[in-house]
Every structure is written in C-alpha cells, then in structure tokens.
C-alpha cells in the first residue's frame, strides 16, 4: 500500500539497469533475443553480462558461418557482429544474412576493434546498420541496442 492507501502494482515500479536507464517493470526487454557473434570467449562474456543486466536474452556464435546458420534457426531481434572472425568474416556473414529476404530486416551492429579509416563505411556497405568500435562504452552500446529494439 502506498501513502494514499492504494495497493501498488508492478507497473508502478521503476527499475534501473545499472547504467542510469530506468524502465517500467511491465516494459522489460526479456523477450528480445540478441545474437552475439565473436570468436573471443572473454568478449562474449562481457557482452552476455552487459546485455543480461538489461534483461536481454543472448545467444552466441563463434564464427561467421555459425552466425549465418544460427540467424536462420533462432531469428534474433538484433545481431552484434564482430568483423574479424574465423571461417567467414563479419562482412561476408552480414552480406549473407542481408541477402535473405526473411532475415534482412534484422538489425546488425558491427562491434569491432577495426577502427581504421573506412572500416565503418565498409561495415555499412556490407549491410551493417551501425558500428561500435572496441573498446566500447557499455552505456553507448546499450543505447544503440535500445535504439534498434524500441
């Protein structure tokens, strides 16, 4: 009960994600699935932990070929794609995903330590919707994720 004698509902509470962003409990993002594509286990863990604090479900792929297959099977709501990957690099994996009419609307954010001039443009030409360079700010990455999932 609140000060007015009314019973509080869960929709009245605000939770924060630890990065300064609050959302109503009834508007949680748990139903949103994000595919994290990275060949480095440490990077996948950082992303998994970060996205988990914001209540996103994560699935993971360790190379571009696995990512393409997983997108077709699991239909994520968003993809965080490393560029430098074994078997099939992030550029080619992105091109293949975007070439499939059933998958082309899934937003892809390139997350890469490639920060040389022209790399962001190359990622966008391949079909990435956005680009984040490593190391990244957790707050900025979450803001970009929310921008595409809202």
Protein backbone atom coordinates (compact mmCIF):
# COMPACT_ATOMS: atom_id res chain seq x y z
CA UNK A 1 0.00 0.00 0.00
CA UNK A 2 1.18 3.48 -0.77
CA UNK A 3 0.65 6.68 1.23
CA UNK A 4 -2.82 7.13 -0.29
CA UNK A 5 -3.92 3.71 0.89
CA UNK A 6 -3.87 2.29 -2.65
CA UNK A 7 -2.27 -1.01 -3.50
CA UNK A 8 0.80 -0.67 -5.67
CA UNK A 9 1.05 -2.72 -8.85
CA UNK A 10 4.23 -3.88 -10.54
CA UNK A 11 3.55 -1.43 -13.37
CA UNK A 12 4.09 1.45 -10.94
CA UNK A 13 7.67 0.49 -10.09
CA UNK A 14 10.75 1.62 -11.94
CA UNK A 15 13.90 -0.48 -12.16
CA UNK A 16 17.28 0.60 -13.36
CA UNK A 17 19.72 -1.46 -15.37
CA UNK A 18 22.78 -0.22 -13.55
CA UNK A 19 23.68 2.17 -16.37
CA UNK A 20 21.35 5.02 -15.43
CA UNK A 21 18.40 3.94 -17.52
CA UNK A 22 15.11 3.12 -15.85
CA UNK A 23 12.20 1.28 -17.36
CA UNK A 24 8.83 0.28 -16.07
CA UNK A 25 8.82 -3.32 -14.91
CA UNK A 26 5.95 -4.08 -17.28
CA UNK A 27 8.09 -2.93 -20.23
CA UNK A 28 11.06 -5.22 -19.79
CA UNK A 29 13.10 -6.39 -22.77
CA UNK A 30 13.38 -10.07 -21.80
CA UNK A 31 11.57 -11.17 -24.92
CA UNK A 32 14.23 -9.56 -27.13
CA UNK A 33 16.89 -12.00 -28.31
CA UNK A 34 20.34 -10.77 -29.32
CA UNK A 35 22.88 -12.86 -31.21
CA UNK A 36 26.43 -12.05 -30.11
CA UNK A 37 28.96 -13.08 -32.76
CA UNK A 38 32.56 -13.06 -31.55
CA UNK A 39 35.37 -15.61 -31.58
CA UNK A 40 36.82 -14.42 -28.25
CA UNK A 41 35.20 -16.00 -25.19
CA UNK A 42 36.09 -13.00 -22.99
CA UNK A 43 34.30 -10.64 -25.38
CA UNK A 44 31.22 -12.89 -25.49
CA UNK A 45 31.14 -12.99 -21.68
CA UNK A 46 31.38 -9.19 -21.42
CA UNK A 47 28.51 -8.78 -23.90
CA UNK A 48 26.44 -11.52 -22.25
CA UNK A 49 26.86 -9.93 -18.81
CA UNK A 50 26.14 -6.41 -20.10
CA UNK A 51 23.04 -7.41 -22.06
CA UNK A 52 21.86 -9.63 -19.21
CA UNK A 53 21.81 -6.65 -16.85
CA UNK A 54 19.35 -5.04 -19.27
CA UNK A 55 17.25 -8.24 -19.39
CA UNK A 56 18.01 -9.22 -22.97
CA UNK A 57 18.28 -12.88 -23.90
CA UNK A 58 21.59 -13.65 -25.60
CA UNK A 59 22.64 -16.43 -27.93
CA UNK A 60 26.20 -16.79 -29.19
CA UNK A 61 28.16 -17.78 -32.27
CA UNK A 62 31.93 -18.09 -32.52
CA UNK A 63 32.37 -17.62 -36.27
CA UNK A 64 30.57 -16.12 -39.25
CA UNK A 65 29.37 -19.43 -40.67
CA UNK A 66 27.81 -20.43 -37.36
CA UNK A 67 26.22 -16.98 -37.11
CA UNK A 68 24.52 -17.28 -40.51
CA UNK A 69 23.11 -20.69 -39.58
CA UNK A 70 22.00 -19.53 -36.16
CA UNK A 71 20.20 -16.47 -37.52
CA UNK A 72 18.13 -18.72 -39.78
CA UNK A 73 17.29 -21.09 -36.93
CA UNK A 74 16.82 -18.77 -33.95
CA UNK A 75 15.66 -15.49 -35.57
CA UNK A 76 17.26 -12.98 -33.17
CA UNK A 77 15.84 -9.48 -32.85
CA UNK A 78 19.31 -7.94 -33.24
CA UNK A 79 22.85 -9.09 -34.05
CA UNK A 80 26.09 -7.76 -32.57
CA UNK A 81 28.66 -8.80 -35.18
CA UNK A 82 32.42 -8.85 -34.76
CA UNK A 83 34.22 -8.29 -38.05
CA UNK A 84 37.39 -10.32 -37.60
CA UNK A 85 36.05 -13.89 -37.38
CA UNK A 86 37.32 -17.33 -38.39
CA UNK A 87 35.83 -19.31 -41.29
CA UNK A 88 33.64 -16.44 -42.54
CA UNK A 89 34.36 -12.83 -41.57
CA UNK A 90 31.70 -10.48 -40.25
CA UNK A 91 31.38 -8.62 -43.54
CA UNK A 92 30.52 -11.76 -45.51
CA UNK A 93 28.27 -13.13 -42.74
CA UNK A 94 26.38 -9.82 -42.79
CA UNK A 95 26.05 -9.89 -46.59
CA UNK A 96 24.62 -13.42 -46.47
CA UNK A 97 22.13 -12.56 -43.73
CA UNK A 98 21.00 -9.39 -45.51
CA UNK A 99 20.65 -11.29 -48.82
CA UNK A 100 17.90 -13.46 -47.32
CA UNK A 101 14.54 -11.63 -47.59
CA UNK A 102 13.29 -13.38 -44.46
CA UNK A 103 16.26 -12.12 -42.43
CA UNK A 104 17.21 -8.78 -43.99
CA UNK A 105 15.16 -6.71 -41.55
CA UNK A 106 17.19 -7.91 -38.54
CA UNK A 107 19.43 -5.01 -37.45
CA UNK A 108 23.14 -5.75 -37.33
CA UNK A 109 25.56 -3.66 -35.31
CA UNK A 110 29.22 -4.23 -36.14
CA UNK A 111 31.29 -4.35 -32.96
CA UNK A 112 34.93 -4.40 -33.92
CA UNK A 113 38.43 -3.42 -32.94
CA UNK A 114 38.82 -2.41 -36.59
CA UNK A 115 38.82 1.33 -36.10
CA UNK A 116 40.80 2.33 -39.13
CA UNK A 117 39.55 4.94 -41.53
CA UNK A 118 36.96 3.40 -43.83
CA UNK A 119 36.14 0.37 -41.67
CA UNK A 120 32.80 1.74 -40.53
CA UNK A 121 31.90 2.53 -44.14
CA UNK A 122 32.93 -0.98 -45.21
CA UNK A 123 30.70 -2.47 -42.50
CA UNK A 124 27.76 -0.34 -43.62
CA UNK A 125 28.28 -1.30 -47.27
CA UNK A 126 28.20 -4.97 -46.21
CA UNK A 127 24.79 -4.30 -44.63
CA UNK A 128 25.50 -3.39 -41.01
CA UNK A 129 23.06 -0.84 -39.63
CA UNK A 130 25.55 0.64 -37.19
CA UNK A 131 29.13 0.39 -35.96
CA UNK A 132 30.70 0.38 -32.49
CA UNK A 133 34.47 0.21 -32.05
CA UNK A 134 36.15 -1.76 -29.28
CA UNK A 135 36.77 -0.96 -26.57
CA UNK A 136 33.24 0.36 -26.26
CA UNK A 137 31.35 2.25 -23.61
CA UNK A 138 28.72 -0.06 -22.06
CA UNK A 139 26.30 2.87 -21.85
CA UNK A 140 26.74 3.72 -25.53
CA UNK A 141 26.39 0.11 -26.68
CA UNK A 142 23.19 -0.35 -24.68
CA UNK A 143 21.83 2.91 -26.09
CA UNK A 144 22.45 1.66 -29.65
CA UNK A 145 20.86 -1.70 -28.86
CA UNK A 146 17.79 0.01 -27.42
CA UNK A 147 17.61 2.34 -30.42
CA UNK A 148 17.17 -0.63 -32.76
CA UNK A 149 14.92 -2.68 -30.49
CA UNK A 150 12.47 0.02 -29.45
